[in-house]
Amino acid sequence: MQGIQLCADGKYRWIYPFNMWTNPTILFLIYKIFFWIFVGIGLMILLLTWNTIEWGNTEKMWDDTWPFLAFFGFFCILILLAYALVAGMYGGKYTILFTMDERGINHEQIPEQAAKARMLGAITAAVGAAVGKPSMVGLGASSAARTSMYSDFAKVRSVKRGRWGNVIKIREILSNNQVYVRNEDFDFVYNYIREHCPRVK
């Protein structure tokens, strides 16, 4: 399918071949999520150790802080390597089918890539179980089970465009969806989504 198609059921559909090597949108999203997780952990540690911190002793403060920063840097490199591994398995392209009507929009991996995503999720869960990491098991199980995301326009709170990455970011209270559109269809899809989201001003 080239561009957006209005199908017989009244829904718009299009396929977007997202280039994982040249478009860093997904990688930035992953970094953003883990950055805020580390900020939350850092604040929790700060609150727990507030009375033991020697605020005037910068050398002692650095000695207490650098292991956390080093671990954060190591984790950033690990994320980059994992992203490159997944991109390689997908052949450098994350291919998505979008289905949109007046009520909402669905973001769905094509069947071949959905099968790979389920396999990666199952491997992650198995490794997590083997090393005794419940959080890793949960992450793997959720990624294996979820290969699509639906946004109900009635629940959408924010719609933002990132034309440089051909992405429209749709935010609900507990979920964020990313819609990718070719340049020639970008304004149509963006305006359509905004017009059908009653909570977005």
N, C-alpha and C. Protein backbone atom coordinates (compact mmCIF):
# COMPACT_ATOMS: atom_id res chain seq x y z
N MET A 1 0.85 -1.20 0.00
CA MET A 1 0.00 0.00 0.00
C MET A 1 0.88 1.24 0.00
N GLN A 2 0.67 2.11 -0.98
CA GLN A 2 1.38 3.38 -1.04
C GLN A 2 0.45 4.47 -0.54
N GLY A 3 0.81 5.11 0.57
CA GLY A 3 -0.04 6.17 1.12
C GLY A 3 -1.25 5.61 1.83
N ILE A 4 -2.15 6.51 2.20
CA ILE A 4 -3.34 6.14 2.97
C ILE A 4 -4.44 5.66 2.02
N GLN A 5 -5.11 4.57 2.43
CA GLN A 5 -6.22 4.02 1.66
C GLN A 5 -7.49 4.09 2.50
N LEU A 6 -8.57 4.61 1.89
CA LEU A 6 -9.89 4.57 2.54
C LEU A 6 -10.55 3.27 2.10
N CYS A 7 -10.71 2.35 3.04
CA CYS A 7 -11.20 1.01 2.71
C CYS A 7 -12.73 0.95 2.71
N ALA A 8 -13.25 -0.19 2.23
CA ALA A 8 -14.70 -0.35 2.08
C ALA A 8 -15.44 -0.29 3.41
N ASP A 9 -14.75 -0.59 4.53
CA ASP A 9 -15.41 -0.55 5.84
C ASP A 9 -15.39 0.86 6.45
N GLY A 10 -14.93 1.85 5.68
CA GLY A 10 -14.93 3.23 6.16
C GLY A 10 -13.72 3.59 7.01
N LYS A 11 -12.73 2.71 7.08
CA LYS A 11 -11.54 2.97 7.88
C LYS A 11 -10.34 3.29 6.98
N TYR A 12 -9.50 4.18 7.48
CA TYR A 12 -8.26 4.51 6.77
C TYR A 12 -7.19 3.53 7.21
N ARG A 13 -6.42 3.06 6.23
CA ARG A 13 -5.32 2.14 6.55
C ARG A 13 -4.08 2.54 5.77
N TRP A 14 -2.94 2.35 6.42
CA TRP A 14 -1.66 2.54 5.73
C TRP A 14 -0.58 1.74 6.44
N ILE A 15 0.45 1.41 5.66
CA ILE A 15 1.60 0.68 6.19
C ILE A 15 2.79 1.63 6.20
N TYR A 16 3.50 1.66 7.31
CA TYR A 16 4.67 2.52 7.41
C TYR A 16 5.91 1.66 7.71
N PRO A 17 6.91 1.65 6.82
CA PRO A 17 8.15 0.91 7.09
C PRO A 17 9.14 1.81 7.85
N PHE A 18 9.12 1.71 9.16
CA PHE A 18 9.96 2.55 10.01
C PHE A 18 11.40 2.07 9.94
N ASN A 19 12.32 2.96 9.52
CA ASN A 19 13.73 2.61 9.42
C ASN A 19 14.39 2.79 10.79
N MET A 20 14.76 1.69 11.41
CA MET A 20 15.29 1.72 12.77
C MET A 20 16.72 2.25 12.83
N TRP A 21 17.42 2.30 11.68
CA TRP A 21 18.78 2.80 11.67
C TRP A 21 18.84 4.31 11.51
N THR A 22 17.97 4.87 10.67
CA THR A 22 18.05 6.30 10.36
C THR A 22 17.08 7.16 11.17
N ASN A 23 16.06 6.55 11.74
CA ASN A 23 15.08 7.31 12.54
C ASN A 23 15.21 6.89 14.01
N PRO A 24 15.75 7.74 14.87
CA PRO A 24 16.02 7.35 16.27
C PRO A 24 14.83 7.56 17.21
N THR A 25 13.62 7.76 16.69
CA THR A 25 12.47 8.09 17.54
C THR A 25 12.22 7.04 18.61
N ILE A 26 12.21 5.76 18.23
CA ILE A 26 11.94 4.69 19.19
C ILE A 26 13.07 4.60 20.22
N LEU A 27 14.31 4.73 19.76
CA LEU A 27 15.45 4.68 20.68
C LEU A 27 15.38 5.81 21.70
N PHE A 28 15.02 7.02 21.26
CA PHE A 28 14.88 8.15 22.17
C PHE A 28 13.77 7.90 23.18
N LEU A 29 12.68 7.28 22.72
CA LEU A 29 11.57 6.97 23.63
C LEU A 29 12.01 6.00 24.72
N ILE A 30 12.77 4.98 24.33
CA ILE A 30 13.28 4.00 25.31
C ILE A 30 14.18 4.69 26.33
N TYR A 31 15.10 5.54 25.84
CA TYR A 31 15.99 6.27 26.74
C TYR A 31 15.20 7.18 27.69
N LYS A 32 14.16 7.82 27.16
CA LYS A 32 13.35 8.71 27.99
C LYS A 32 12.67 7.94 29.12
N ILE A 33 12.12 6.78 28.80
CA ILE A 33 11.44 5.97 29.82
C ILE A 33 12.41 5.56 30.91
N PHE A 34 13.58 5.03 30.50
CA PHE A 34 14.54 4.56 31.50
C PHE A 34 15.20 5.71 32.25
N PHE A 35 15.32 6.87 31.61
CA PHE A 35 15.86 8.04 32.32
C PHE A 35 14.98 8.40 33.52
N TRP A 36 13.66 8.43 33.31
CA TRP A 36 12.76 8.78 34.40
C TRP A 36 12.69 7.69 35.46
N ILE A 37 12.88 6.43 35.05
CA ILE A 37 12.97 5.34 36.03
C ILE A 37 14.18 5.56 36.93
N PHE A 38 15.33 5.91 36.33
CA PHE A 38 16.54 6.15 37.12
C PHE A 38 16.40 7.40 37.99
N VAL A 39 15.71 8.42 37.48
CA VAL A 39 15.47 9.61 38.30
C VAL A 39 14.64 9.25 39.53
N GLY A 40 13.61 8.42 39.33
CA GLY A 40 12.78 7.98 40.45
C GLY A 40 13.58 7.19 41.47
N ILE A 41 14.43 6.28 40.98
CA ILE A 41 15.27 5.49 41.89
C ILE A 41 16.24 6.40 42.64
N GLY A 42 16.83 7.37 41.91
CA GLY A 42 17.77 8.30 42.53
C GLY A 42 17.11 9.12 43.63
N LEU A 43 15.90 9.60 43.39
CA LEU A 43 15.18 10.37 44.40
C LEU A 43 14.85 9.52 45.62
N MET A 44 14.50 8.26 45.37
CA MET A 44 14.19 7.36 46.49
C MET A 44 15.43 7.14 47.36
N ILE A 45 16.58 6.92 46.69
CA ILE A 45 17.83 6.73 47.43
C ILE A 45 18.19 8.01 48.21
N LEU A 46 17.97 9.17 47.57
CA LEU A 46 18.26 10.45 48.22
C LEU A 46 17.42 10.63 49.48
N LEU A 47 16.14 10.29 49.41
CA LEU A 47 15.26 10.44 50.57
C LEU A 47 15.65 9.49 51.70
N LEU A 48 16.06 8.27 51.31
CA LEU A 48 16.43 7.27 52.32
C LEU A 48 17.75 7.60 53.01
N THR A 49 18.63 8.31 52.30
CA THR A 49 19.96 8.59 52.86
C THR A 49 20.15 10.07 53.18
N TRP A 50 19.06 10.82 53.23
CA TRP A 50 19.13 12.28 53.41
C TRP A 50 19.97 12.68 54.64
N ASN A 51 19.74 12.01 55.76
CA ASN A 51 20.41 12.38 57.01
C ASN A 51 21.88 11.96 57.06
N THR A 52 22.29 11.06 56.16
CA THR A 52 23.68 10.59 56.19
C THR A 52 24.57 11.30 55.17
N ILE A 53 23.97 12.15 54.33
CA ILE A 53 24.76 12.85 53.31
C ILE A 53 25.51 14.03 53.92
N GLU A 54 26.79 14.10 53.64
CA GLU A 54 27.60 15.22 54.10
C GLU A 54 27.59 16.30 53.01
N TRP A 55 26.61 17.23 53.11
CA TRP A 55 26.34 18.17 52.04
C TRP A 55 27.52 19.11 51.75
N GLY A 56 28.35 19.40 52.72
CA GLY A 56 29.47 20.30 52.48
C GLY A 56 30.70 19.60 51.93
N ASN A 57 30.72 18.29 52.01
CA ASN A 57 31.88 17.51 51.59
C ASN A 57 31.66 17.01 50.15
N THR A 58 32.11 17.79 49.18
CA THR A 58 31.87 17.44 47.77
C THR A 58 32.57 16.15 47.37
N GLU A 59 33.75 15.90 47.96
CA GLU A 59 34.48 14.68 47.62
C GLU A 59 33.71 13.45 48.07
N LYS A 60 33.16 13.50 49.28
CA LYS A 60 32.36 12.38 49.79
C LYS A 60 31.07 12.21 48.98
N MET A 61 30.46 13.33 48.60
CA MET A 61 29.23 13.26 47.80
C MET A 61 29.52 12.61 46.45
N TRP A 62 30.68 12.95 45.85
CA TRP A 62 31.03 12.35 44.56
C TRP A 62 31.29 10.85 44.71
N ASP A 63 31.97 10.46 45.81
CA ASP A 63 32.23 9.05 46.07
C ASP A 63 30.94 8.26 46.20
N ASP A 64 29.90 8.89 46.76
CA ASP A 64 28.61 8.22 46.92
C ASP A 64 27.79 8.20 45.64
N THR A 65 28.08 9.15 44.73
CA THR A 65 27.25 9.31 43.54
C THR A 65 27.78 8.59 42.31
N TRP A 66 29.10 8.54 42.15
CA TRP A 66 29.63 8.04 40.88
C TRP A 66 29.27 6.60 40.57
N PRO A 67 29.12 5.68 41.55
CA PRO A 67 28.72 4.31 41.17
C PRO A 67 27.34 4.29 40.51
N PHE A 68 26.44 5.13 41.01
CA PHE A 68 25.10 5.20 40.42
C PHE A 68 25.17 5.73 39.00
N LEU A 69 25.99 6.79 38.78
CA LEU A 69 26.14 7.37 37.44
C LEU A 69 26.82 6.38 36.49
N ALA A 70 27.80 5.63 37.00
CA ALA A 70 28.48 4.64 36.17
C ALA A 70 27.52 3.54 35.74
N PHE A 71 26.67 3.12 36.68
CA PHE A 71 25.67 2.10 36.34
C PHE A 71 24.69 2.63 35.31
N PHE A 72 24.31 3.90 35.43
CA PHE A 72 23.41 4.52 34.46
C PHE A 72 24.05 4.55 33.07
N GLY A 73 25.35 4.91 33.01
CA GLY A 73 26.06 4.94 31.73
C GLY A 73 26.16 3.55 31.11
N PHE A 74 26.44 2.56 31.94
CA PHE A 74 26.51 1.17 31.47
C PHE A 74 25.17 0.73 30.92
N PHE A 75 24.10 1.11 31.60
CA PHE A 75 22.75 0.73 31.17
C PHE A 75 22.40 1.39 29.84
N CYS A 76 22.85 2.63 29.64
CA CYS A 76 22.61 3.33 28.36
C CYS A 76 23.28 2.59 27.21
N ILE A 77 24.50 2.11 27.44
CA ILE A 77 25.21 1.35 26.41
C ILE A 77 24.50 0.03 26.16
N LEU A 78 24.01 -0.61 27.23
CA LEU A 78 23.30 -1.88 27.10
C LEU A 78 22.02 -1.71 26.28
N ILE A 79 21.29 -0.61 26.51
CA ILE A 79 20.08 -0.33 25.75
C ILE A 79 20.41 -0.17 24.27
N LEU A 80 21.49 0.56 23.98
CA LEU A 80 21.90 0.77 22.59
C LEU A 80 22.24 -0.55 21.89
N LEU A 81 22.95 -1.42 22.59
CA LEU A 81 23.30 -2.72 22.02
C LEU A 81 22.06 -3.58 21.80
N ALA A 82 21.13 -3.54 22.77
CA ALA A 82 19.89 -4.32 22.63
C ALA A 82 19.05 -3.80 21.46
N TYR A 83 19.00 -2.47 21.32
CA TYR A 83 18.27 -1.87 20.20
C TYR A 83 18.87 -2.30 18.87
N ALA A 84 20.21 -2.28 18.77
CA ALA A 84 20.89 -2.69 17.55
C ALA A 84 20.62 -4.16 17.23
N LEU A 85 20.56 -5.00 18.27
CA LEU A 85 20.29 -6.43 18.09
C LEU A 85 18.88 -6.64 17.52
N VAL A 86 17.90 -5.96 18.13
CA VAL A 86 16.52 -6.09 17.66
C VAL A 86 16.38 -5.54 16.24
N ALA A 87 17.00 -4.38 15.98
CA ALA A 87 16.95 -3.79 14.64
C ALA A 87 17.54 -4.75 13.61
N GLY A 88 18.63 -5.42 13.98
CA GLY A 88 19.22 -6.40 13.08
C GLY A 88 18.29 -7.57 12.81
N MET A 89 17.59 -8.04 13.84
CA MET A 89 16.64 -9.15 13.67
C MET A 89 15.48 -8.76 12.78
N TYR A 90 15.10 -7.46 12.82
CA TYR A 90 13.98 -6.98 12.00
C TYR A 90 14.45 -6.54 10.60
N GLY A 91 15.72 -6.73 10.30
CA GLY A 91 16.23 -6.29 9.01
C GLY A 91 16.31 -4.78 8.90
N GLY A 92 16.38 -4.09 10.03
CA GLY A 92 16.51 -2.64 10.05
C GLY A 92 15.20 -1.90 9.90
N LYS A 93 14.08 -2.64 9.71
CA LYS A 93 12.79 -1.98 9.52
C LYS A 93 11.72 -2.56 10.43
N TYR A 94 11.01 -1.65 11.10
CA TYR A 94 9.88 -2.00 11.95
C TYR A 94 8.64 -1.61 11.13
N THR A 95 7.95 -2.60 10.59
CA THR A 95 6.84 -2.34 9.66
C THR A 95 5.51 -2.38 10.42
N ILE A 96 4.75 -1.30 10.29
CA ILE A 96 3.54 -1.12 11.09
C ILE A 96 2.33 -0.91 10.20
N LEU A 97 1.23 -1.56 10.57
CA LEU A 97 -0.06 -1.32 9.92
C LEU A 97 -0.90 -0.44 10.83
N PHE A 98 -1.36 0.69 10.30
CA PHE A 98 -2.23 1.60 11.06
C PHE A 98 -3.65 1.52 10.51
N THR A 99 -4.62 1.45 11.43
CA THR A 99 -6.03 1.46 11.06
C THR A 99 -6.70 2.57 11.85
N MET A 100 -7.36 3.50 11.14
CA MET A 100 -7.91 4.69 11.80
C MET A 100 -9.33 4.95 11.34
N ASP A 101 -10.21 5.26 12.30
CA ASP A 101 -11.55 5.72 11.98
C ASP A 101 -11.92 6.84 12.96
N GLU A 102 -13.18 7.22 13.01
CA GLU A 102 -13.60 8.34 13.84
C GLU A 102 -13.47 8.07 15.33
N ARG A 103 -13.37 6.82 15.73
CA ARG A 103 -13.33 6.47 17.16
C ARG A 103 -11.92 6.29 17.70
N GLY A 104 -10.97 5.92 16.83
CA GLY A 104 -9.62 5.71 17.34
C GLY A 104 -8.67 5.23 16.27
N ILE A 105 -7.46 4.90 16.70
CA ILE A 105 -6.43 4.43 15.78
C ILE A 105 -5.68 3.26 16.40
N ASN A 106 -5.41 2.26 15.56
CA ASN A 106 -4.71 1.06 16.01
C ASN A 106 -3.34 0.99 15.34
N HIS A 107 -2.33 0.72 16.17
CA HIS A 107 -0.93 0.61 15.74
C HIS A 107 -0.58 -0.86 15.91
N GLU A 108 -0.30 -1.56 14.79
CA GLU A 108 -0.13 -3.01 14.85
C GLU A 108 1.06 -3.47 14.02
N GLN A 109 1.89 -4.32 14.60
CA GLN A 109 3.00 -4.91 13.86
C GLN A 109 2.46 -5.89 12.81
N ILE A 110 3.14 -5.97 11.68
CA ILE A 110 2.74 -6.95 10.69
C ILE A 110 2.99 -8.35 11.27
N PRO A 111 2.24 -9.37 10.83
CA PRO A 111 2.32 -10.70 11.45
C PRO A 111 3.72 -11.28 11.58
N GLU A 112 4.56 -11.13 10.55
CA GLU A 112 5.90 -11.70 10.60
C GLU A 112 6.72 -11.10 11.74
N GLN A 113 6.64 -9.77 11.90
CA GLN A 113 7.41 -9.12 12.96
C GLN A 113 6.76 -9.34 14.32
N ALA A 114 5.45 -9.47 14.36
CA ALA A 114 4.77 -9.77 15.63
C ALA A 114 5.24 -11.12 16.18
N ALA A 115 5.45 -12.08 15.28
CA ALA A 115 5.95 -13.40 15.71
C ALA A 115 7.35 -13.27 16.29
N LYS A 116 8.20 -12.43 15.66
CA LYS A 116 9.54 -12.22 16.19
C LYS A 116 9.48 -11.52 17.56
N ALA A 117 8.56 -10.56 17.71
CA ALA A 117 8.42 -9.86 18.98
C ALA A 117 8.00 -10.82 20.09
N ARG A 118 7.09 -11.72 19.77
CA ARG A 118 6.67 -12.71 20.77
C ARG A 118 7.82 -13.63 21.15
N MET A 119 8.63 -14.01 20.14
CA MET A 119 9.78 -14.87 20.42
C MET A 119 10.79 -14.16 21.33
N LEU A 120 11.08 -12.88 21.04
CA LEU A 120 12.01 -12.11 21.86
C LEU A 120 11.48 -11.95 23.28
N GLY A 121 10.18 -11.72 23.39
CA GLY A 121 9.56 -11.58 24.71
C GLY A 121 9.66 -12.87 25.51
N ALA A 122 9.43 -13.99 24.83
CA ALA A 122 9.51 -15.29 25.51
C ALA A 122 10.94 -15.57 25.97
N ILE A 123 11.93 -15.22 25.13
CA ILE A 123 13.34 -15.42 25.50
C ILE A 123 13.69 -14.55 26.71
N THR A 124 13.23 -13.29 26.69
CA THR A 124 13.49 -12.38 27.81
C THR A 124 12.89 -12.93 29.10
N ALA A 125 11.65 -13.41 29.03
CA ALA A 125 10.99 -13.97 30.22
C ALA A 125 11.73 -15.21 30.73
N ALA A 126 12.18 -16.06 29.81
CA ALA A 126 12.89 -17.28 30.20
C ALA A 126 14.23 -16.95 30.88
N VAL A 127 14.95 -15.98 30.31
CA VAL A 127 16.22 -15.57 30.91
C VAL A 127 15.97 -14.96 32.29
N GLY A 128 14.92 -14.14 32.41
CA GLY A 128 14.58 -13.54 33.70
C GLY A 128 14.27 -14.59 34.75
N ALA A 129 13.54 -15.64 34.34
CA ALA A 129 13.21 -16.72 35.28
C ALA A 129 14.47 -17.48 35.69
N ALA A 130 15.38 -17.67 34.72
CA ALA A 130 16.61 -18.43 35.01
C ALA A 130 17.52 -17.70 35.98
N VAL A 131 17.56 -16.36 35.89
CA VAL A 131 18.46 -15.60 36.78
C VAL A 131 17.74 -15.05 38.00
N GLY A 132 16.44 -15.38 38.13
CA GLY A 132 15.69 -14.96 39.30
C GLY A 132 15.34 -13.49 39.32
N LYS A 133 14.98 -12.92 38.15
CA LYS A 133 14.61 -11.50 38.05
C LYS A 133 13.13 -11.39 37.66
N PRO A 134 12.23 -11.23 38.65
CA PRO A 134 10.80 -11.15 38.34
C PRO A 134 10.44 -9.99 37.40
N SER A 135 11.14 -8.85 37.54
CA SER A 135 10.84 -7.71 36.67
C SER A 135 11.14 -8.03 35.21
N MET A 136 12.20 -8.79 34.99
CA MET A 136 12.58 -9.19 33.63
C MET A 136 11.56 -10.17 33.05
N VAL A 137 11.05 -11.05 33.91
CA VAL A 137 10.01 -11.99 33.48
C VAL A 137 8.76 -11.22 33.06
N GLY A 138 8.38 -10.23 33.88
CA GLY A 138 7.19 -9.44 33.57
C GLY A 138 7.34 -8.65 32.29
N LEU A 139 8.53 -8.07 32.08
CA LEU A 139 8.80 -7.31 30.86
C LEU A 139 8.71 -8.21 29.63
N GLY A 140 9.31 -9.38 29.72
CA GLY A 140 9.27 -10.31 28.60
C GLY A 140 7.87 -10.80 28.29
N ALA A 141 7.11 -11.11 29.35
CA ALA A 141 5.75 -11.61 29.16
C ALA A 141 4.85 -10.54 28.54
N SER A 142 4.99 -9.29 28.99
CA SER A 142 4.16 -8.21 28.45
C SER A 142 4.51 -7.91 27.00
N SER A 143 5.81 -7.93 26.66
CA SER A 143 6.21 -7.66 25.28
C SER A 143 5.80 -8.79 24.35
N ALA A 144 5.76 -10.01 24.88
CA ALA A 144 5.34 -11.14 24.05
C ALA A 144 3.84 -11.09 23.78
N ALA A 145 3.08 -10.57 24.75
CA ALA A 145 1.63 -10.56 24.62
C ALA A 145 1.12 -9.36 23.83
N ARG A 146 1.91 -8.29 23.76
CA ARG A 146 1.41 -7.05 23.16
C ARG A 146 2.17 -6.70 21.89
N THR A 147 1.51 -6.84 20.77
CA THR A 147 2.11 -6.47 19.48
C THR A 147 1.27 -5.41 18.78
N SER A 148 0.31 -4.83 19.49
CA SER A 148 -0.50 -3.74 18.92
C SER A 148 -0.89 -2.79 20.05
N MET A 149 -1.28 -1.58 19.66
CA MET A 149 -1.72 -0.59 20.63
C MET A 149 -2.85 0.23 20.03
N TYR A 150 -3.93 0.36 20.78
CA TYR A 150 -5.09 1.11 20.30
C TYR A 150 -5.28 2.37 21.13
N SER A 151 -5.53 3.48 20.44
CA SER A 151 -5.83 4.74 21.12
C SER A 151 -7.27 5.14 20.85
N ASP A 152 -8.04 5.25 21.92
CA ASP A 152 -9.44 5.69 21.83
C ASP A 152 -9.45 7.22 21.84
N PHE A 153 -9.91 7.83 20.76
CA PHE A 153 -9.87 9.28 20.65
C PHE A 153 -10.61 9.98 21.79
N ALA A 154 -11.64 9.35 22.33
CA ALA A 154 -12.41 9.96 23.42
C ALA A 154 -11.58 10.08 24.70
N LYS A 155 -10.50 9.28 24.82
CA LYS A 155 -9.68 9.28 26.03
C LYS A 155 -8.35 10.01 25.85
N VAL A 156 -8.08 10.46 24.64
CA VAL A 156 -6.80 11.10 24.35
C VAL A 156 -6.74 12.48 25.00
N ARG A 157 -5.61 12.77 25.66
CA ARG A 157 -5.42 14.04 26.34
C ARG A 157 -4.47 14.98 25.60
N SER A 158 -3.59 14.41 24.76
CA SER A 158 -2.60 15.25 24.10
C SER A 158 -2.21 14.65 22.76
N VAL A 159 -2.06 15.51 21.75
CA VAL A 159 -1.61 15.09 20.43
C VAL A 159 -0.48 16.04 20.02
N LYS A 160 0.71 15.48 19.81
CA LYS A 160 1.86 16.30 19.43
C LYS A 160 2.51 15.74 18.18
N ARG A 161 3.00 16.63 17.35
CA ARG A 161 3.63 16.17 16.11
C ARG A 161 5.14 16.36 16.16
N GLY A 162 5.84 15.40 15.58
CA GLY A 162 7.29 15.50 15.41
C GLY A 162 7.59 15.25 13.95
N ARG A 163 7.47 16.28 13.17
CA ARG A 163 7.57 16.10 11.72
C ARG A 163 8.93 15.55 11.30
N TRP A 164 10.00 15.91 12.05
CA TRP A 164 11.33 15.43 11.68
C TRP A 164 11.44 13.91 11.76
N GLY A 165 10.63 13.28 12.61
CA GLY A 165 10.65 11.83 12.72
C GLY A 165 9.42 11.18 12.12
N ASN A 166 8.60 11.99 11.40
CA ASN A 166 7.36 11.49 10.81
C ASN A 166 6.47 10.83 11.86
N VAL A 167 6.44 11.39 13.07
CA VAL A 167 5.70 10.78 14.17
C VAL A 167 4.68 11.74 14.75
N ILE A 168 3.52 11.18 15.10
CA ILE A 168 2.48 11.90 15.84
C ILE A 168 2.32 11.17 17.17
N LYS A 169 2.55 11.89 18.26
CA LYS A 169 2.51 11.27 19.59
C LYS A 169 1.14 11.50 20.21
N ILE A 170 0.49 10.40 20.58
CA ILE A 170 -0.85 10.44 21.15
C ILE A 170 -0.76 9.96 22.60
N ARG A 171 -1.20 10.80 23.53
CA ARG A 171 -1.07 10.46 24.95
C ARG A 171 -2.43 10.35 25.62
N GLU A 172 -2.64 9.21 26.28
CA GLU A 172 -3.78 9.03 27.18
C GLU A 172 -3.23 9.08 28.60
N ILE A 173 -4.07 8.83 29.59
CA ILE A 173 -3.62 8.93 30.97
C ILE A 173 -2.56 7.87 31.27
N LEU A 174 -2.78 6.64 30.83
CA LEU A 174 -1.87 5.55 31.19
C LEU A 174 -1.13 4.96 29.99
N SER A 175 -1.24 5.55 28.83
CA SER A 175 -0.55 4.99 27.67
C SER A 175 -0.17 6.08 26.68
N ASN A 176 0.85 5.78 25.92
CA ASN A 176 1.34 6.67 24.86
C ASN A 176 1.47 5.87 23.58
N ASN A 177 0.91 6.40 22.51
CA ASN A 177 0.98 5.74 21.22
C ASN A 177 1.76 6.61 20.25
N GLN A 178 2.47 5.99 19.33
CA GLN A 178 3.21 6.74 18.32
C GLN A 178 2.73 6.32 16.94
N VAL A 179 2.29 7.31 16.17
CA VAL A 179 1.74 7.07 14.84
C VAL A 179 2.74 7.61 13.82
N TYR A 180 3.13 6.79 12.87
CA TYR A 180 4.10 7.18 11.85
C TYR A 180 3.40 7.34 10.51
N VAL A 181 3.72 8.46 9.83
CA VAL A 181 3.04 8.80 8.58
C VAL A 181 4.04 9.38 7.59
N ARG A 182 3.87 9.06 6.33
CA ARG A 182 4.71 9.65 5.29
C ARG A 182 4.47 11.16 5.21
N ASN A 183 5.44 11.87 4.68
CA ASN A 183 5.37 13.33 4.60
C ASN A 183 4.10 13.82 3.90
N GLU A 184 3.75 13.18 2.80
CA GLU A 184 2.61 13.65 2.00
C GLU A 184 1.26 13.47 2.69
N ASP A 185 1.19 12.57 3.69
CA ASP A 185 -0.07 12.33 4.40
C ASP A 185 -0.05 12.87 5.83
N PHE A 186 1.07 13.45 6.23
CA PHE A 186 1.27 13.82 7.63
C PHE A 186 0.20 14.81 8.12
N ASP A 187 0.00 15.91 7.40
CA ASP A 187 -0.94 16.93 7.85
C ASP A 187 -2.37 16.40 7.92
N PHE A 188 -2.75 15.56 6.93
CA PHE A 188 -4.10 15.00 6.94
C PHE A 188 -4.34 14.16 8.19
N VAL A 189 -3.41 13.27 8.50
CA VAL A 189 -3.59 12.38 9.67
C VAL A 189 -3.56 13.18 10.97
N TYR A 190 -2.63 14.11 11.07
CA TYR A 190 -2.53 14.93 12.29
C TYR A 190 -3.82 15.71 12.53
N ASN A 191 -4.31 16.37 11.50
CA ASN A 191 -5.54 17.16 11.65
C ASN A 191 -6.75 16.27 11.91
N TYR A 192 -6.80 15.10 11.29
CA TYR A 192 -7.92 14.17 11.50
C TYR A 192 -7.97 13.72 12.96
N ILE A 193 -6.80 13.36 13.49
CA ILE A 193 -6.74 12.91 14.88
C ILE A 193 -7.17 14.02 15.83
N ARG A 194 -6.64 15.21 15.64
CA ARG A 194 -6.99 16.33 16.53
C ARG A 194 -8.48 16.65 16.47
N GLU A 195 -9.06 16.62 15.28
CA GLU A 195 -10.48 16.94 15.12
C GLU A 195 -11.38 15.93 15.80
N HIS A 196 -10.89 14.71 15.99
CA HIS A 196 -11.73 13.65 16.57
C HIS A 196 -11.39 13.35 18.03
N CYS A 197 -10.53 14.19 18.63
CA CYS A 197 -10.20 14.04 20.06
C CYS A 197 -10.85 15.18 20.84
N PRO A 198 -12.02 14.96 21.45
CA PRO A 198 -12.76 16.05 22.11
C PRO A 198 -12.03 16.68 23.30
N ARG A 199 -11.09 15.98 23.91
CA ARG A 199 -10.38 16.52 25.09
C ARG A 199 -9.16 17.33 24.71
N VAL A 200 -8.77 17.29 23.43
CA VAL A 200 -7.58 18.01 22.99
C VAL A 200 -8.00 19.37 22.45
N LYS A 201 -7.37 20.41 22.96
CA LYS A 201 -7.70 21.77 22.54
C LYS A 201 -6.68 22.29 21.54
